[in-house]
């Protein structure tokens, strides 16, 4: 990625706690990791997280500028370690559709998504195929993608940064306890390694991909090519 492209993509932000760095990727265990870090910061082993916890994390870590939404560092700062959690790209794409598009219109994108698919007058929610058309259109036009479905490779700059630990969501329960111990992020009370996203196959990704044409699948493979190569797509 050259410098002219780099400015297009919003850096999702590094969360620093003590000397540890966790790079946030939306739709990849963010609620679970936010809970762990807030427990550490607030010294509250029983804290249960909800959507408000993300705002609490921002407040708890941004007062001394430890979250940088546009950070362009080559290597994460963190003498104690750095952590990136990744996810199979099409599981993440379907999760973004179900959470951010299918149920209601929290992002106010319905009209735009349906217009791109030539169904502007429909009153129903966009289909998954129409959402995919929108993602492909964003990639074709260099439109700034939302972080929930922008590529993990771009958001994390994994090819430019020297992460100490890269954990896949699909093996989170087996791998993360070891990583947390190494990073010193265990809370006083033992906690299960679970989250809203800890069961990435709670829906059938294949069911949604079957709704796409061969042309759509081919273009998606182009959009998420590096994620598929790097993160076991």
C-alpha atoms as a PDB file:
ATOM      1  CA  UNK A   1       0.000   0.000   0.000  1.00  0.00           C
ATOM      2  CA  UNK A   2       1.516   3.324  -1.031  1.00  0.00           C
ATOM      3  CA  UNK A   3       1.247   6.572   0.932  1.00  0.00           C
ATOM      4  CA  UNK A   4      -1.563   7.905  -1.284  1.00  0.00           C
ATOM      5  CA  UNK A   5      -3.733   4.893  -0.456  1.00  0.00           C
ATOM      6  CA  UNK A   6      -2.808   4.779   3.211  1.00  0.00           C
ATOM      7  CA  UNK A   7      -4.793   7.875   4.120  1.00  0.00           C
ATOM      8  CA  UNK A   8      -8.009   6.306   2.838  1.00  0.00           C
ATOM      9  CA  UNK A   9      -8.270   3.772   5.613  1.00  0.00           C
ATOM     10  CA  UNK A  10      -9.153   4.639   9.148  1.00  0.00           C
ATOM     11  CA  UNK A  11      -6.850   3.161  11.747  1.00  0.00           C
ATOM     12  CA  UNK A  12      -9.151   1.424  14.218  1.00  0.00           C
ATOM     13  CA  UNK A  13      -6.978   2.229  17.176  1.00  0.00           C
ATOM     14  CA  UNK A  14      -4.476   0.626  19.476  1.00  0.00           C
ATOM     15  CA  UNK A  15      -5.568   0.112  23.060  1.00  0.00           C
ATOM     16  CA  UNK A  16      -2.659   0.366  25.480  1.00  0.00           C
ATOM     17  CA  UNK A  17      -2.994  -1.083  28.953  1.00  0.00           C
ATOM     18  CA  UNK A  18       0.189  -0.967  31.012  1.00  0.00           C
ATOM     19  CA  UNK A  19       2.834  -1.891  28.408  1.00  0.00           C
ATOM     20  CA  UNK A  20       0.547  -4.136  26.343  1.00  0.00           C
ATOM     21  CA  UNK A  21      -0.977  -3.172  22.991  1.00  0.00           C
ATOM     22  CA  UNK A  22      -4.159  -4.683  21.559  1.00  0.00           C
ATOM     23  CA  UNK A  23      -5.092  -3.606  18.019  1.00  0.00           C
ATOM     24  CA  UNK A  24      -8.885  -3.461  17.673  1.00  0.00           C
ATOM     25  CA  UNK A  25     -10.617  -4.954  14.632  1.00  0.00           C
ATOM     26  CA  UNK A  26     -14.427  -4.596  14.572  1.00  0.00           C
ATOM     27  CA  UNK A  27     -16.359  -7.878  14.546  1.00  0.00           C
ATOM     28  CA  UNK A  28     -13.390  -9.752  15.993  1.00  0.00           C
ATOM     29  CA  UNK A  29     -13.913 -10.376  19.731  1.00  0.00           C
ATOM     30  CA  UNK A  30     -13.985  -6.663  20.546  1.00  0.00           C
ATOM     31  CA  UNK A  31     -16.635  -7.006  23.267  1.00  0.00           C
ATOM     32  CA  UNK A  32     -14.745  -9.823  24.939  1.00  0.00           C
ATOM     33  CA  UNK A  33     -11.366  -8.087  24.853  1.00  0.00           C
ATOM     34  CA  UNK A  34     -12.921  -4.816  26.002  1.00  0.00           C
ATOM     35  CA  UNK A  35     -14.305  -6.677  29.029  1.00  0.00           C
ATOM     36  CA  UNK A  36     -10.899  -8.139  29.885  1.00  0.00           C
ATOM     37  CA  UNK A  37      -9.093  -4.823  29.600  1.00  0.00           C
ATOM     38  CA  UNK A  38     -11.734  -2.892  31.536  1.00  0.00           C
ATOM     39  CA  UNK A  39     -11.590  -5.498  34.288  1.00  0.00           C
ATOM     40  CA  UNK A  40      -7.853  -4.921  34.450  1.00  0.00           C
ATOM     41  CA  UNK A  41      -8.110  -1.123  34.413  1.00  0.00           C
ATOM     42  CA  UNK A  42     -11.062  -0.912  36.824  1.00  0.00           C
ATOM     43  CA  UNK A  43      -9.863  -3.841  38.978  1.00  0.00           C
ATOM     44  CA  UNK A  44     -13.367  -5.291  38.722  1.00  0.00           C
ATOM     45  CA  UNK A  45     -13.198  -9.030  38.136  1.00  0.00           C
ATOM     46  CA  UNK A  46     -16.994  -9.372  37.874  1.00  0.00           C
ATOM     47  CA  UNK A  47     -17.566  -6.680  35.247  1.00  0.00           C
ATOM     48  CA  UNK A  48     -20.052  -7.776  32.577  1.00  0.00           C
ATOM     49  CA  UNK A  49     -19.679  -5.915  29.314  1.00  0.00           C
ATOM     50  CA  UNK A  50     -22.286  -4.411  27.013  1.00  0.00           C
ATOM     51  CA  UNK A  51     -22.268  -1.806  24.269  1.00  0.00           C
ATOM     52  CA  UNK A  52     -21.615   0.887  26.878  1.00  0.00           C
ATOM     53  CA  UNK A  53     -18.319  -0.783  27.735  1.00  0.00           C
ATOM     54  CA  UNK A  54     -16.758   0.413  24.487  1.00  0.00           C
ATOM     55  CA  UNK A  55     -17.409   4.005  25.526  1.00  0.00           C
ATOM     56  CA  UNK A  56     -16.033   3.243  28.986  1.00  0.00           C
ATOM     57  CA  UNK A  57     -12.884   1.813  27.433  1.00  0.00           C
ATOM     58  CA  UNK A  58     -12.440   4.951  25.318  1.00  0.00           C
ATOM     59  CA  UNK A  59     -12.836   7.110  28.413  1.00  0.00           C
ATOM     60  CA  UNK A  60     -10.509   4.956  30.487  1.00  0.00           C
ATOM     61  CA  UNK A  61      -7.683   4.871  27.948  1.00  0.00           C
ATOM     62  CA  UNK A  62      -7.925   8.086  25.942  1.00  0.00           C
ATOM     63  CA  UNK A  63      -7.380  10.591  28.745  1.00  0.00           C
ATOM     64  CA  UNK A  64      -3.631  10.286  28.263  1.00  0.00           C
ATOM     65  CA  UNK A  65      -3.859   9.802  24.492  1.00  0.00           C
ATOM     66  CA  UNK A  66      -3.249   6.060  24.620  1.00  0.00           C
ATOM     67  CA  UNK A  67      -5.825   5.409  21.880  1.00  0.00           C
ATOM     68  CA  UNK A  68      -4.805   6.781  18.485  1.00  0.00           C
ATOM     69  CA  UNK A  69      -7.448   6.385  15.769  1.00  0.00           C
ATOM     70  CA  UNK A  70      -5.047   7.501  13.037  1.00  0.00           C
ATOM     71  CA  UNK A  71      -1.820   5.970  14.300  1.00  0.00           C
ATOM     72  CA  UNK A  72       0.616   5.120  11.518  1.00  0.00           C
ATOM     73  CA  UNK A  73       3.337   3.393  13.514  1.00  0.00           C
ATOM     74  CA  UNK A  74       5.489   0.754  11.872  1.00  0.00           C
ATOM     75  CA  UNK A  75       5.507  -1.430  14.978  1.00  0.00           C
ATOM     76  CA  UNK A  76       3.033  -1.423  17.879  1.00  0.00           C
ATOM     77  CA  UNK A  77       4.548   0.263  20.926  1.00  0.00           C
ATOM     78  CA  UNK A  78       4.452  -2.188  23.759  1.00  0.00           C
ATOM     79  CA  UNK A  79       7.518  -3.592  25.472  1.00  0.00           C
ATOM     80  CA  UNK A  80       5.267  -6.112  27.193  1.00  0.00           C
ATOM     81  CA  UNK A  81       3.752  -7.426  23.975  1.00  0.00           C
ATOM     82  CA  UNK A  82       1.314  -6.747  21.163  1.00  0.00           C
ATOM     83  CA  UNK A  83      -1.852  -8.653  20.246  1.00  0.00           C
ATOM     84  CA  UNK A  84      -3.969  -8.924  17.103  1.00  0.00           C
ATOM     85  CA  UNK A  85      -7.065 -11.142  16.879  1.00  0.00           C
ATOM     86  CA  UNK A  86      -8.234 -12.008  13.367  1.00  0.00           C
ATOM     87  CA  UNK A  87     -11.182 -13.873  11.859  1.00  0.00           C
ATOM     88  CA  UNK A  88     -12.024 -15.788   8.690  1.00  0.00           C
ATOM     89  CA  UNK A  89     -12.999 -12.965   6.337  1.00  0.00           C
ATOM     90  CA  UNK A  90     -16.347 -14.289   5.084  1.00  0.00           C
ATOM     91  CA  UNK A  91     -17.508 -15.216   8.601  1.00  0.00           C
ATOM     92  CA  UNK A  92     -16.703 -11.640   9.572  1.00  0.00           C
ATOM     93  CA  UNK A  93     -18.517 -10.229   6.523  1.00  0.00           C
ATOM     94  CA  UNK A  94     -21.694 -12.221   7.271  1.00  0.00           C
ATOM     95  CA  UNK A  95     -21.471 -11.200  10.935  1.00  0.00           C
ATOM     96  CA  UNK A  96     -21.240  -7.532   9.916  1.00  0.00           C
ATOM     97  CA  UNK A  97     -24.288  -7.924   7.668  1.00  0.00           C
ATOM     98  CA  UNK A  98     -26.392  -9.610  10.363  1.00  0.00           C
ATOM     99  CA  UNK A  99     -25.344  -7.212  13.108  1.00  0.00           C
ATOM    100  CA  UNK A 100     -25.189  -3.893  11.249  1.00  0.00           C
ATOM    101  CA  UNK A 101     -27.470  -4.204   8.213  1.00  0.00           C
ATOM    102  CA  UNK A 102     -30.075  -6.968   8.343  1.00  0.00           C
ATOM    103  CA  UNK A 103     -31.952  -6.184  11.553  1.00  0.00           C
ATOM    104  CA  UNK A 104     -32.516  -2.441  11.347  1.00  0.00           C
ATOM    105  CA  UNK A 105     -30.741   0.571   9.878  1.00  0.00           C
ATOM    106  CA  UNK A 106     -28.427   1.879  12.624  1.00  0.00           C
ATOM    107  CA  UNK A 107     -25.862   3.013  10.063  1.00  0.00           C
ATOM    108  CA  UNK A 108     -28.490   4.605   7.767  1.00  0.00           C
ATOM    109  CA  UNK A 109     -27.201   2.706   4.752  1.00  0.00           C
ATOM    110  CA  UNK A 110     -30.308   0.872   3.585  1.00  0.00           C
ATOM    111  CA  UNK A 111     -31.285   3.381   0.887  1.00  0.00           C
ATOM    112  CA  UNK A 112     -27.751   3.578  -0.496  1.00  0.00           C
ATOM    113  CA  UNK A 113     -27.279  -0.200  -0.498  1.00  0.00           C
ATOM    114  CA  UNK A 114     -30.600  -0.829  -2.273  1.00  0.00           C
ATOM    115  CA  UNK A 115     -30.037   1.996  -4.756  1.00  0.00           C
ATOM    116  CA  UNK A 116     -26.738   0.479  -5.874  1.00  0.00           C
ATOM    117  CA  UNK A 117     -28.586  -2.796  -6.568  1.00  0.00           C
ATOM    118  CA  UNK A 118     -31.387  -1.032  -8.465  1.00  0.00           C
ATOM    119  CA  UNK A 119     -34.020  -1.603  -5.794  1.00  0.00           C
ATOM    120  CA  UNK A 120     -34.312   1.915  -4.440  1.00  0.00           C
ATOM    121  CA  UNK A 121     -38.113   1.834  -4.055  1.00  0.00           C
ATOM    122  CA  UNK A 122     -38.209  -1.293  -1.904  1.00  0.00           C
ATOM    123  CA  UNK A 123     -39.297  -0.862   1.708  1.00  0.00           C
ATOM    124  CA  UNK A 124     -37.654  -4.057   2.947  1.00  0.00           C
ATOM    125  CA  UNK A 125     -34.131  -4.393   4.314  1.00  0.00           C
ATOM    126  CA  UNK A 126     -31.266  -5.102   1.915  1.00  0.00           C
ATOM    127  CA  UNK A 127     -30.497  -8.716   1.130  1.00  0.00           C
ATOM    128  CA  UNK A 128     -27.053 -10.160   1.706  1.00  0.00           C
ATOM    129  CA  UNK A 129     -26.464 -10.117  -2.075  1.00  0.00           C
ATOM    130  CA  UNK A 130     -27.316  -6.398  -2.155  1.00  0.00           C
ATOM    131  CA  UNK A 131     -24.965  -5.752   0.739  1.00  0.00           C
ATOM    132  CA  UNK A 132     -22.208  -7.565  -1.163  1.00  0.00           C
ATOM    133  CA  UNK A 133     -22.931  -5.385  -4.210  1.00  0.00           C
ATOM    134  CA  UNK A 134     -22.433  -2.371  -1.945  1.00  0.00           C
ATOM    135  CA  UNK A 135     -19.108  -3.708  -0.603  1.00  0.00           C
ATOM    136  CA  UNK A 136     -17.915  -4.385  -4.160  1.00  0.00           C
ATOM    137  CA  UNK A 137     -19.054  -0.902  -5.239  1.00  0.00           C
ATOM    138  CA  UNK A 138     -17.086   0.648  -2.370  1.00  0.00           C
ATOM    139  CA  UNK A 139     -13.984  -1.244  -3.447  1.00  0.00           C
ATOM    140  CA  UNK A 140     -14.464  -0.323  -7.129  1.00  0.00           C
ATOM    141  CA  UNK A 141     -14.953   3.383  -6.402  1.00  0.00           C
ATOM    142  CA  UNK A 142     -12.353   3.693  -3.623  1.00  0.00           C
ATOM    143  CA  UNK A 143     -15.162   4.675  -1.262  1.00  0.00           C
ATOM    144  CA  UNK A 144     -14.105   4.561   2.392  1.00  0.00           C
ATOM    145  CA  UNK A 145     -15.325   1.254   3.816  1.00  0.00           C
ATOM    146  CA  UNK A 146     -16.714   1.020   7.302  1.00  0.00           C
ATOM    147  CA  UNK A 147     -14.354  -0.811   9.641  1.00  0.00           C
ATOM    148  CA  UNK A 148     -16.859  -3.598  10.259  1.00  0.00           C
ATOM    149  CA  UNK A 149     -16.281  -4.942   6.746  1.00  0.00           C
ATOM    150  CA  UNK A 150     -13.078  -3.259   5.598  1.00  0.00           C
ATOM    151  CA  UNK A 151     -10.279  -5.781   5.265  1.00  0.00           C
ATOM    152  CA  UNK A 152      -8.398  -6.889   8.348  1.00  0.00           C
ATOM    153  CA  UNK A 153      -5.137  -6.642   6.444  1.00  0.00           C
ATOM    154  CA  UNK A 154      -5.684  -2.923   5.785  1.00  0.00           C
ATOM    155  CA  UNK A 155      -7.042  -2.092   9.236  1.00  0.00           C
ATOM    156  CA  UNK A 156      -4.285  -3.843  11.163  1.00  0.00           C
ATOM    157  CA  UNK A 157      -1.461  -3.167   8.666  1.00  0.00           C
ATOM    158  CA  UNK A 158      -0.319  -6.637   9.576  1.00  0.00           C
ATOM    159  CA  UNK A 159       2.238  -6.664   6.742  1.00  0.00           C
ATOM    160  CA  UNK A 160       3.921  -3.556   8.166  1.00  0.00           C
ATOM    161  CA  UNK A 161       3.740  -4.225  11.898  1.00  0.00           C
ATOM    162  CA  UNK A 162       5.551  -6.757  14.036  1.00  0.00           C
ATOM    163  CA  UNK A 163       2.806  -8.269  16.175  1.00  0.00           C
ATOM    164  CA  UNK A 164       4.029 -10.560  18.923  1.00  0.00           C
ATOM    165  CA  UNK A 165       0.795 -12.567  19.023  1.00  0.00           C
ATOM    166  CA  UNK A 166      -1.750 -13.130  16.249  1.00  0.00           C
ATOM    167  CA  UNK A 167      -4.712 -15.240  17.382  1.00  0.00           C
ATOM    168  CA  UNK A 168      -7.517 -16.537  15.184  1.00  0.00           C
ATOM    169  CA  UNK A 169     -11.051 -16.155  16.506  1.00  0.00           C
ATOM    170  CA  UNK A 170     -11.812 -19.721  15.425  1.00  0.00           C
ATOM    171  CA  UNK A 171      -9.232 -21.048  17.921  1.00  0.00           C
ATOM    172  CA  UNK A 172      -9.732 -18.326  20.531  1.00  0.00           C
ATOM    173  CA  UNK A 173     -10.723 -20.623  23.383  1.00  0.00           C
ATOM    174  CA  UNK A 174      -7.599 -22.747  22.981  1.00  0.00           C
ATOM    175  CA  UNK A 175      -5.072 -19.988  22.309  1.00  0.00           C
ATOM    176  CA  UNK A 176      -6.132 -16.878  24.188  1.00  0.00           C
ATOM    177  CA  UNK A 177      -5.669 -18.111  27.792  1.00  0.00           C
ATOM    178  CA  UNK A 178      -1.996 -18.774  27.020  1.00  0.00           C
ATOM    179  CA  UNK A 179      -1.586 -15.365  25.361  1.00  0.00           C
ATOM    180  CA  UNK A 180      -3.311 -13.562  28.246  1.00  0.00           C
ATOM    181  CA  UNK A 181      -0.997 -15.239  30.731  1.00  0.00           C
ATOM    182  CA  UNK A 182       2.046 -14.232  28.682  1.00  0.00           C
ATOM    183  CA  UNK A 183       0.790 -10.642  28.426  1.00  0.00           C
ATOM    184  CA  UNK A 184      -0.155 -10.471  32.104  1.00  0.00           C
ATOM    185  CA  UNK A 185      -3.762  -9.564  31.307  1.00  0.00           C
ATOM    186  CA  UNK A 186      -5.451 -12.187  33.448  1.00  0.00           C
ATOM    187  CA  UNK A 187      -7.967 -10.767  35.879  1.00  0.00           C
ATOM    188  CA  UNK A 188      -8.163 -11.745  39.539  1.00  0.00           C
ATOM    189  CA  UNK A 189     -11.139 -14.010  38.923  1.00  0.00           C
ATOM    190  CA  UNK A 190     -10.975 -16.674  36.254  1.00  0.00           C
ATOM    191  CA  UNK A 191     -13.302 -15.972  33.366  1.00  0.00           C
ATOM    192  CA  UNK A 192     -14.581 -18.063  30.463  1.00  0.00           C
ATOM    193  CA  UNK A 193     -13.151 -17.285  27.044  1.00  0.00           C
ATOM    194  CA  UNK A 194     -16.496 -16.428  25.498  1.00  0.00           C
ATOM    195  CA  UNK A 195     -18.063 -13.471  23.739  1.00  0.00           C
ATOM    196  CA  UNK A 196     -20.800 -12.647  21.265  1.00  0.00           C
ATOM    197  CA  UNK A 197     -18.315 -13.609  18.554  1.00  0.00           C
ATOM    198  CA  UNK A 198     -16.611 -16.552  20.240  1.00  0.00           C
ATOM    199  CA  UNK A 199     -18.777 -19.005  18.265  1.00  0.00           C
ATOM    200  CA  UNK A 200     -18.142 -17.790  14.716  1.00  0.00           C
ATOM    201  CA  UNK A 201     -20.199 -20.646  13.218  1.00  0.00           C
ATOM    202  CA  UNK A 202     -23.393 -19.832  15.136  1.00  0.00           C
ATOM    203  CA  UNK A 203     -24.836 -19.093  11.702  1.00  0.00           C
ATOM    204  CA  UNK A 204     -24.135 -20.835   8.411  1.00  0.00           C
ATOM    205  CA  UNK A 205     -21.818 -18.617   6.384  1.00  0.00           C
ATOM    206  CA  UNK A 206     -22.227 -20.970   3.447  1.00  0.00           C
ATOM    207  CA  UNK A 207     -25.983 -20.290   3.440  1.00  0.00           C
ATOM    208  CA  UNK A 208     -25.296 -16.609   2.723  1.00  0.00           C
ATOM    209  CA  UNK A 209     -22.532 -17.238   0.201  1.00  0.00           C
ATOM    210  CA  UNK A 210     -24.910 -19.549  -1.690  1.00  0.00           C
ATOM    211  CA  UNK A 211     -27.108 -16.501  -2.343  1.00  0.00           C
ATOM    212  CA  UNK A 212     -24.385 -14.905  -4.466  1.00  0.00           C
ATOM    213  CA  UNK A 213     -23.642 -15.258  -8.159  1.00  0.00           C
ATOM    214  CA  UNK A 214     -20.325 -16.584  -9.422  1.00  0.00           C
ATOM    215  CA  UNK A 215     -19.430 -13.037 -10.483  1.00  0.00           C
ATOM    216  CA  UNK A 216     -20.108 -11.698  -6.989  1.00  0.00           C
ATOM    217  CA  UNK A 217     -18.049 -14.460  -5.402  1.00  0.00           C
ATOM    218  CA  UNK A 218     -15.179 -13.757  -7.775  1.00  0.00           C
ATOM    219  CA  UNK A 219     -15.226 -10.045  -6.942  1.00  0.00           C
ATOM    220  CA  UNK A 220     -15.420 -10.768  -3.202  1.00  0.00           C
ATOM    221  CA  UNK A 221     -12.365 -12.979  -3.560  1.00  0.00           C
ATOM    222  CA  UNK A 222     -10.600  -9.975  -5.084  1.00  0.00           C
ATOM    223  CA  UNK A 223     -11.711  -7.578  -2.332  1.00  0.00           C
ATOM    224  CA  UNK A 224     -10.673  -9.926   0.480  1.00  0.00           C
ATOM    225  CA  UNK A 225      -7.783 -11.625  -1.315  1.00  0.00           C
ATOM    226  CA  UNK A 226      -5.137 -10.738   1.278  1.00  0.00           C
ATOM    227  CA  UNK A 227      -7.439 -11.592   4.194  1.00  0.00           C
ATOM    228  CA  UNK A 228      -8.142 -14.986   2.626  1.00  0.00           C
ATOM    229  CA  UNK A 229      -4.426 -15.642   2.162  1.00  0.00           C
ATOM    230  CA  UNK A 230      -3.346 -14.356   5.566  1.00  0.00           C
ATOM    231  CA  UNK A 231      -6.264 -15.376   7.764  1.00  0.00           C
ATOM    232  CA  UNK A 232      -7.285 -18.790   6.491  1.00  0.00           C
ATOM    233  CA  UNK A 233     -10.344 -17.739   4.497  1.00  0.00           C
END
